[in-house]
Structure formats: structure tokens, C-alpha cells
Amino acid sequence: MKPFHFNIKYALPLKRGERIDLDGGEARHIARVLRLKTDSLVNLVNGIGGMTPARIVKIGKASVTFEIEAETIIRDDRLPIELIVGIIKGERMDWLIQKATELGVSAIRPVLTRHTVVGLDDDKRYSRTTRWQEIAMQALKQCKGLTSPSIYPVSTLSEAVLSVQASGTRLFLSESCDEKGIIQAWRQSDEPPATVAIGPEGGFSDEEQTMFKRSGFTPASLGKRTLRSETAAIAAIAVLGSLIYDIKTP
């Protein structure tokens, strides 16, 4: 069985033989849920590409002590895919963040659009962003990844479009696009990184679609059925991820 991954806030790399303590939720999970014992081997992950093998040497009531077993591995294991997504309601957005992290996107830009039905003041924008970052870190642990996606603060759609890289492939999903499937649209440039934009309930307005086209985005479709926003996002990431993986893997 592969070692469990646990999120830490320590700066990596750590030296072999060094001892560190972990408290809070992760320590409780080790002791009370997983019931790991001393001498159990684990991987400590900081969410920005670092992973260090370690051995549990002490389990206390409120903390767990580890001894570093080997040198830190530092690697960005994300796919070069950036997701622009119109904010959707409650747990559906949380689920989208979780699954997009598992699939390995490099960045997520939550945006407010013409058809967004979720109202967010400044305080709620901050708290939602913090919550989504925590969800991403937990998903990273579950899928044994090394690098969490960059989750940007909530912005307007136009701000997000102006912020993405000018290079690579830029797509937006459109229900009115019945000419190009997402694979065909990708193959027009066939160049990572990829940016894909998905609207909220109701999709993108005509004005927003015009803005995308003027900004160099290509409309693309996932088929004739109307998908929920979170379903469309995960399907698009999976398709683009497979295409990019084929490019990177001879």
C-alpha cells in the first residue's frame, strides 16, 4: 500500500534526520481516523510541489512527530490547463474545485458573469476563496498529488480573460457552437498551455461570447446535450488533459 499523504505548512526541503511536529486536523486524522502507529511511513506534502518521506516517531494527544527519512522531491505535477469558471451554487462549486484538483489543473479562476446567480460581497469573496483553497488541499492529499492549483480571488469575467496567458490554446464552451467539438477546436492550435472557460447556470451571454472571440478564444462544444456547469468543466478538463498527456508522453 502506498504511504498516506499529509499536508504540512513547513517550508521544504527538510533535512534527513530532522524532526518536525504536526498538529491540528491532520494530526487528529492520523491518530483517531487512520489509527496509524509509530514507525508508519508517510509522505509530507506542502502543496507547492514538495514531498518528503517521513516516519512517525511519536503520536501525542494533540500532535504527531515525524522524522524525515529521505530528501525532498520537488516537482510540479499539474497539467498546463487553466480553468475559468462562472461561480455556481454551493456544494456544486465545491465539488468542481475538488475534482478539478484531482485531475491536475494548474489554476482555477472563479468569475462573476452575466448569468451568475450567486451574490458575493467582499467578505464572502474572501471566505469562499479560502474555503476553495482548503478543499483543493484536501483533494490533493486524497489523490496523492504534489501541487495544488492556484485558486485566484473571485473576479469579473473580463478581468480573468485579460489575466490569462496570450500563448497556447484558449477555448470557451458554448451551447450554440455546433460546428466544433472540443477536440477539433484544440487541434486548431494543438498547443499547451490550455485555458478553458465554462459558464454558470445559463452559460455565457451573447456579449460575453463576443468578448471571448475578440480576445482570441475559440468556441467549442462537448456535444448536443446540455450539461450542468460542473459536469462540463470536468469533462473538458479530462479531454484536454488526455490530449496534452499524449503530447508530453511519446
Protein backbone atom coordinates (compact mmCIF):
# COMPACT_ATOMS: atom_id res chain seq x y z
CA MET A 1 0.00 0.00 0.00
CA LYS A 2 1.29 3.44 -0.91
CA PRO A 3 2.07 5.76 2.02
CA PHE A 4 -0.60 8.24 3.08
CA HIS A 5 -0.08 11.89 2.15
CA PHE A 6 -0.44 14.62 4.76
CA ASN A 7 -0.46 18.38 4.22
CA ILE A 8 2.10 20.43 6.11
CA LYS A 9 2.88 24.15 6.28
CA TYR A 10 6.63 23.74 6.66
CA ALA A 11 8.94 25.15 4.03
CA LEU A 12 10.56 22.35 2.07
CA PRO A 13 13.12 20.86 1.58
CA LEU A 14 13.72 19.33 5.01
CA LYS A 15 16.93 17.57 6.03
CA ARG A 16 17.16 13.82 6.57
CA GLY A 17 17.00 13.04 10.30
CA GLU A 18 15.24 16.32 11.10
CA ARG A 19 12.16 16.07 13.31
CA ILE A 20 9.01 18.13 12.91
CA ASP A 21 5.63 18.27 14.64
CA LEU A 22 2.20 18.31 13.01
CA ASP A 23 -0.89 19.41 14.93
CA GLY A 24 -4.49 20.31 14.19
CA GLY A 25 -6.81 18.38 11.91
CA GLU A 26 -4.11 16.37 10.17
CA ALA A 27 -2.73 15.09 13.49
CA ARG A 28 -6.22 14.10 14.66
CA HIS A 29 -6.83 12.32 11.35
CA ILE A 30 -3.65 10.28 11.80
CA ALA A 31 -4.38 9.31 15.41
CA ARG A 32 -8.16 8.94 15.52
CA VAL A 33 -9.29 8.06 11.99
CA LEU A 34 -6.42 6.21 10.34
CA ARG A 35 -5.06 4.98 13.69
CA LEU A 36 -1.51 4.92 12.37
CA LYS A 37 1.23 3.74 14.73
CA THR A 38 4.79 4.80 15.39
CA ASP A 39 7.21 3.67 12.65
CA SER A 40 4.49 4.11 9.98
CA LEU A 41 5.88 5.65 6.79
CA VAL A 42 4.06 8.65 5.29
CA ASN A 43 4.65 11.40 2.73
CA LEU A 44 4.53 15.02 3.85
CA VAL A 45 3.29 17.40 1.15
CA ASN A 46 3.29 21.21 1.18
CA GLY A 47 1.01 21.74 -1.83
CA ILE A 48 3.56 23.67 -3.90
CA GLY A 49 5.45 20.74 -5.37
CA GLY A 50 7.36 19.36 -2.38
CA MET A 51 7.02 15.87 -0.95
CA THR A 52 9.17 14.42 1.84
CA PRO A 53 9.10 10.77 3.03
CA ALA A 54 8.92 10.60 6.83
CA ARG A 55 8.41 8.14 9.68
CA ILE A 56 6.10 8.67 12.65
CA VAL A 57 8.15 8.63 15.83
CA LYS A 58 5.60 9.90 18.35
CA ILE A 59 1.81 10.25 18.50
CA GLY A 60 0.57 12.58 21.23
CA LYS A 61 -2.87 13.81 22.22
CA ALA A 62 -2.68 16.93 20.06
CA SER A 63 0.31 16.43 17.76
CA VAL A 64 2.32 13.90 15.78
CA THR A 65 6.11 13.95 15.49
CA PHE A 66 7.86 12.82 12.29
CA GLU A 67 11.46 12.09 11.44
CA ILE A 68 12.49 12.89 7.88
CA GLU A 69 13.58 9.73 6.06
CA ALA A 70 14.88 10.98 2.72
CA GLU A 71 15.46 14.05 0.59
CA THR A 72 12.52 16.13 -0.55
CA ILE A 73 11.14 15.54 -4.02
CA ILE A 74 10.15 18.81 -5.69
CA ARG A 75 8.04 18.54 -8.82
CA ASP A 76 5.11 20.41 -10.35
CA ASP A 77 2.78 17.58 -11.35
CA ARG A 78 -0.07 19.75 -12.62
CA LEU A 79 -1.29 19.79 -16.20
CA PRO A 80 -0.88 23.06 -18.13
CA ILE A 81 -4.64 23.68 -18.02
CA GLU A 82 -6.19 26.82 -16.58
CA LEU A 83 -9.90 26.86 -15.80
CA ILE A 84 -12.08 29.98 -15.90
CA VAL A 85 -15.41 29.08 -14.32
CA GLY A 86 -18.57 31.01 -13.63
CA ILE A 87 -19.43 30.59 -9.95
CA ILE A 88 -22.24 28.11 -9.35
CA LYS A 89 -24.29 27.39 -6.27
CA GLY A 90 -22.96 25.95 -3.01
CA GLU A 91 -21.76 22.38 -2.92
CA ARG A 92 -21.67 22.07 -6.70
CA MET A 93 -18.86 24.62 -6.82
CA ASP A 94 -17.05 22.84 -4.00
CA TRP A 95 -17.33 19.56 -5.91
CA LEU A 96 -15.99 21.20 -9.07
CA ILE A 97 -12.93 22.54 -7.19
CA GLN A 98 -12.29 19.11 -5.69
CA LYS A 99 -12.48 17.20 -8.97
CA ALA A 100 -10.55 19.79 -10.96
CA THR A 101 -7.75 19.47 -8.40
CA GLU A 102 -7.77 15.68 -8.68
CA LEU A 103 -7.49 15.95 -12.47
CA GLY A 104 -4.50 18.25 -12.07
CA VAL A 105 -5.41 21.70 -13.40
CA SER A 106 -2.77 24.36 -12.85
CA ALA A 107 -5.13 27.21 -11.96
CA ILE A 108 -8.78 27.99 -11.31
CA ARG A 109 -10.24 31.46 -11.81
CA PRO A 110 -13.75 31.78 -10.30
CA VAL A 111 -15.63 34.57 -12.05
CA LEU A 112 -18.84 36.57 -11.88
CA THR A 113 -20.73 36.62 -15.17
CA ARG A 114 -23.96 38.00 -16.60
CA HIS A 115 -25.86 34.85 -15.61
CA THR A 116 -24.21 34.26 -12.21
CA VAL A 117 -26.95 33.81 -9.60
CA VAL A 118 -24.65 33.70 -6.54
CA GLY A 119 -24.30 37.06 -4.80
CA LEU A 120 -20.92 37.69 -3.13
CA ASP A 121 -19.82 40.78 -1.24
CA ASP A 122 -16.11 41.37 -0.50
CA ASP A 123 -16.15 39.37 2.75
CA LYS A 124 -17.87 36.41 1.10
CA ARG A 125 -15.47 36.52 -1.84
CA TYR A 126 -12.54 36.20 0.55
CA SER A 127 -14.12 33.43 2.64
CA ARG A 128 -15.15 31.45 -0.44
CA THR A 129 -11.65 31.68 -1.92
CA THR A 130 -10.13 30.49 1.37
CA ARG A 131 -12.63 27.61 1.54
CA TRP A 132 -11.89 26.54 -2.05
CA GLN A 133 -8.15 26.57 -1.34
CA GLU A 134 -8.72 24.28 1.66
CA ILE A 135 -10.90 21.94 -0.43
CA ALA A 136 -8.15 21.80 -3.06
CA MET A 137 -5.51 20.89 -0.45
CA GLN A 138 -7.67 18.08 0.91
CA ALA A 139 -8.31 16.80 -2.61
CA LEU A 140 -4.57 16.91 -3.30
CA LYS A 141 -3.96 14.68 -0.29
CA GLN A 142 -6.64 12.22 -1.41
CA CYS A 143 -5.27 11.86 -4.96
CA LYS A 144 -1.63 11.81 -3.77
CA GLY A 145 -0.71 14.84 -5.83
CA LEU A 146 2.16 17.22 -5.15
CA THR A 147 0.98 20.63 -6.36
CA SER A 148 -2.35 22.28 -5.65
CA PRO A 149 -3.90 24.52 -8.32
CA SER A 150 -3.57 28.26 -7.93
CA ILE A 151 -7.06 29.41 -6.96
CA TYR A 152 -7.41 33.10 -7.70
CA PRO A 153 -9.70 35.53 -5.87
CA VAL A 154 -13.16 35.98 -7.37
CA SER A 155 -13.06 38.46 -10.26
CA THR A 156 -15.17 39.62 -13.16
CA LEU A 157 -15.05 37.59 -16.36
CA SER A 158 -13.32 40.39 -18.28
CA GLU A 159 -10.60 40.65 -15.59
CA ALA A 160 -9.95 36.90 -15.82
CA VAL A 161 -9.77 36.94 -19.62
CA LEU A 162 -7.23 39.77 -19.53
CA SER A 163 -5.13 37.86 -16.97
CA VAL A 164 -4.60 34.59 -18.86
CA GLN A 165 -1.56 33.90 -20.99
CA ALA A 166 -1.71 35.05 -24.59
CA SER A 167 0.10 31.90 -25.74
CA GLY A 168 -1.32 28.40 -26.01
CA THR A 169 -4.87 27.28 -26.74
CA ARG A 170 -7.82 29.31 -25.42
CA LEU A 171 -11.32 27.86 -25.57
CA PHE A 172 -14.76 28.67 -24.20
CA LEU A 173 -17.65 26.23 -24.08
CA SER A 174 -20.76 27.35 -25.91
CA GLU A 175 -24.12 25.62 -26.28
CA SER A 176 -24.67 27.48 -29.54
CA CYS A 177 -21.47 26.09 -31.06
CA ASP A 178 -22.49 23.09 -33.15
CA GLU A 179 -19.57 23.22 -35.57
CA LYS A 180 -16.54 22.37 -33.45
CA GLY A 181 -16.19 19.73 -30.77
CA ILE A 182 -13.60 20.44 -28.13
CA ILE A 183 -11.03 18.10 -29.74
CA GLN A 184 -11.41 19.78 -33.12
CA ALA A 185 -11.14 23.21 -31.50
CA TRP A 186 -7.99 22.11 -29.63
CA ARG A 187 -6.38 20.82 -32.82
CA GLN A 188 -6.63 24.21 -34.47
CA SER A 189 -3.62 25.22 -32.39
CA ASP A 190 -2.67 21.94 -30.68
CA GLU A 191 -0.51 23.90 -28.27
CA PRO A 192 -0.38 23.85 -24.47
CA PRO A 193 -0.95 25.56 -22.14
CA ALA A 194 -4.70 25.41 -22.47
CA THR A 195 -7.25 27.80 -20.99
CA VAL A 196 -10.88 26.71 -20.99
CA ALA A 197 -13.81 28.84 -19.84
CA ILE A 198 -17.10 27.40 -18.59
CA GLY A 199 -20.15 29.49 -17.79
CA PRO A 200 -22.50 29.22 -14.81
CA GLU A 201 -26.13 28.13 -14.99
CA GLY A 202 -27.41 29.65 -18.22
CA GLY A 203 -23.99 29.73 -19.87
CA PHE A 204 -22.31 32.83 -21.29
CA SER A 205 -24.32 35.73 -22.68
CA ASP A 206 -24.03 36.81 -26.31
CA GLU A 207 -21.95 39.81 -25.24
CA GLU A 208 -19.58 37.61 -23.26
CA GLN A 209 -19.15 35.22 -26.17
CA THR A 210 -18.31 38.17 -28.42
CA MET A 211 -15.72 39.31 -25.86
CA PHE A 212 -14.14 35.84 -25.85
CA LYS A 213 -13.83 35.81 -29.64
CA ARG A 214 -12.26 39.26 -29.68
CA SER A 215 -9.76 38.06 -27.06
CA GLY A 216 -8.63 35.10 -29.16
CA PHE A 217 -10.77 32.37 -27.60
CA THR A 218 -12.30 29.67 -29.81
CA PRO A 219 -15.85 28.40 -29.15
CA ALA A 220 -16.10 24.66 -28.53
CA SER A 221 -18.78 22.09 -27.76
CA LEU A 222 -18.97 18.93 -25.67
CA GLY A 223 -21.89 17.52 -27.65
CA LYS A 224 -25.58 18.03 -28.24
CA ARG A 225 -26.71 17.55 -24.64
CA THR A 226 -26.94 20.46 -22.22
CA LEU A 227 -24.60 19.70 -19.32
CA ARG A 228 -24.50 21.14 -15.83
CA SER A 229 -21.63 23.57 -15.39
CA GLU A 230 -19.67 21.28 -13.09
CA THR A 231 -20.14 18.31 -15.44
CA ALA A 232 -18.97 20.36 -18.43
CA ALA A 233 -15.91 21.59 -16.53
CA ILE A 234 -14.75 18.12 -15.53
CA ALA A 235 -15.44 16.67 -18.98
CA ALA A 236 -13.46 19.45 -20.65
CA ILE A 237 -10.51 19.04 -18.28
CA ALA A 238 -10.47 15.28 -18.81
CA VAL A 239 -10.48 15.61 -22.61
CA LEU A 240 -7.82 18.33 -22.73
CA GLY A 241 -5.73 16.53 -20.11
CA SER A 242 -5.68 13.38 -22.24
CA LEU A 243 -4.70 15.32 -25.36
CA ILE A 244 -1.89 17.16 -23.56
CA TYR A 245 -0.70 13.94 -21.90
CA ASP A 246 -0.37 12.35 -25.36
CA ILE A 247 1.79 15.29 -26.46
CA LYS A 248 4.02 15.04 -23.38
CA THR A 249 4.30 11.24 -23.48
CA PRO A 250 5.95 9.89 -26.66
